[in-house]
């Protein structure tokens, strides 16, 4: 039986937070895609199906709440 790993999208404007979250998630055997802004995440979601989105709430350009609403 072949099962795909869950796809997690993490969005944060702080590079160190992206790296830290990626390190934790990789230990859980999931595929991780990182984005540094809400607009970048929206573009990424046109190509990548995310099973879970983890987003910073306070980001310039677009808040995490605005991203998740879209």
Protein backbone atom coordinates (compact mmCIF):
# COMPACT_ATOMS: atom_id res chain seq x y z
CA UNK A 1 0.00 0.00 0.00
CA UNK A 2 1.38 3.39 -1.02
CA UNK A 3 0.32 6.35 1.06
CA UNK A 4 1.34 9.90 0.37
CA UNK A 5 2.78 12.04 3.12
CA UNK A 6 0.55 14.92 4.20
CA UNK A 7 1.47 18.29 2.66
CA UNK A 8 1.90 21.15 5.13
CA UNK A 9 2.24 24.78 4.06
CA UNK A 10 3.94 27.04 6.60
CA UNK A 11 3.78 30.81 6.17
CA UNK A 12 5.88 33.23 8.21
CA UNK A 13 7.76 36.42 7.39
CA UNK A 14 10.59 35.46 9.77
CA UNK A 15 13.10 33.08 8.11
CA UNK A 16 14.23 31.58 11.43
CA UNK A 17 10.65 30.63 12.33
CA UNK A 18 10.20 28.94 8.94
CA UNK A 19 13.37 26.92 9.50
CA UNK A 20 12.38 25.95 13.05
CA UNK A 21 8.87 24.86 12.04
CA UNK A 22 10.23 22.95 9.07
CA UNK A 23 12.67 21.06 11.30
CA UNK A 24 9.89 20.00 13.66
CA UNK A 25 7.51 19.00 10.89
CA UNK A 26 10.11 16.99 8.96
CA UNK A 27 10.44 14.73 12.02
CA UNK A 28 6.73 13.94 11.64
CA UNK A 29 7.25 12.60 8.11
CA UNK A 30 5.29 15.25 6.29
CA UNK A 31 6.11 17.20 3.15
CA UNK A 32 6.73 20.85 3.92
CA UNK A 33 6.36 23.89 1.68
CA UNK A 34 7.50 27.25 3.06
CA UNK A 35 6.32 30.73 2.10
CA UNK A 36 7.41 34.07 3.52
CA UNK A 37 4.22 36.05 2.83
CA UNK A 38 0.50 35.71 2.33
CA UNK A 39 0.61 36.62 -1.37
CA UNK A 40 3.38 34.08 -1.95
CA UNK A 41 1.30 31.43 -0.17
CA UNK A 42 -1.73 32.18 -2.38
CA UNK A 43 0.42 31.73 -5.50
CA UNK A 44 1.88 28.51 -4.10
CA UNK A 45 -1.60 27.15 -3.38
CA UNK A 46 -2.37 27.39 -7.10
CA UNK A 47 0.26 24.66 -7.65
CA UNK A 48 0.40 22.74 -4.37
CA UNK A 49 -2.48 21.10 -2.51
CA UNK A 50 -1.98 21.68 1.21
CA UNK A 51 -3.54 19.35 3.76
CA UNK A 52 -2.69 21.80 6.53
CA UNK A 53 -1.72 25.50 6.58
CA UNK A 54 0.18 26.95 9.52
CA UNK A 55 0.43 30.73 9.31
CA UNK A 56 1.90 33.56 11.31
CA UNK A 57 -0.90 36.03 12.08
CA UNK A 58 1.12 39.28 12.04
CA UNK A 59 2.80 39.68 8.67
CA UNK A 60 3.22 42.71 6.41
CA UNK A 61 1.16 42.86 3.20
CA UNK A 62 -1.45 40.34 4.40
CA UNK A 63 -2.23 38.99 7.86
CA UNK A 64 -2.53 35.28 8.51
CA UNK A 65 -6.26 35.75 9.06
CA UNK A 66 -6.64 37.40 5.66
CA UNK A 67 -4.65 34.58 4.05
CA UNK A 68 -6.75 31.85 5.65
CA UNK A 69 -9.98 33.66 4.71
CA UNK A 70 -8.96 33.59 1.04
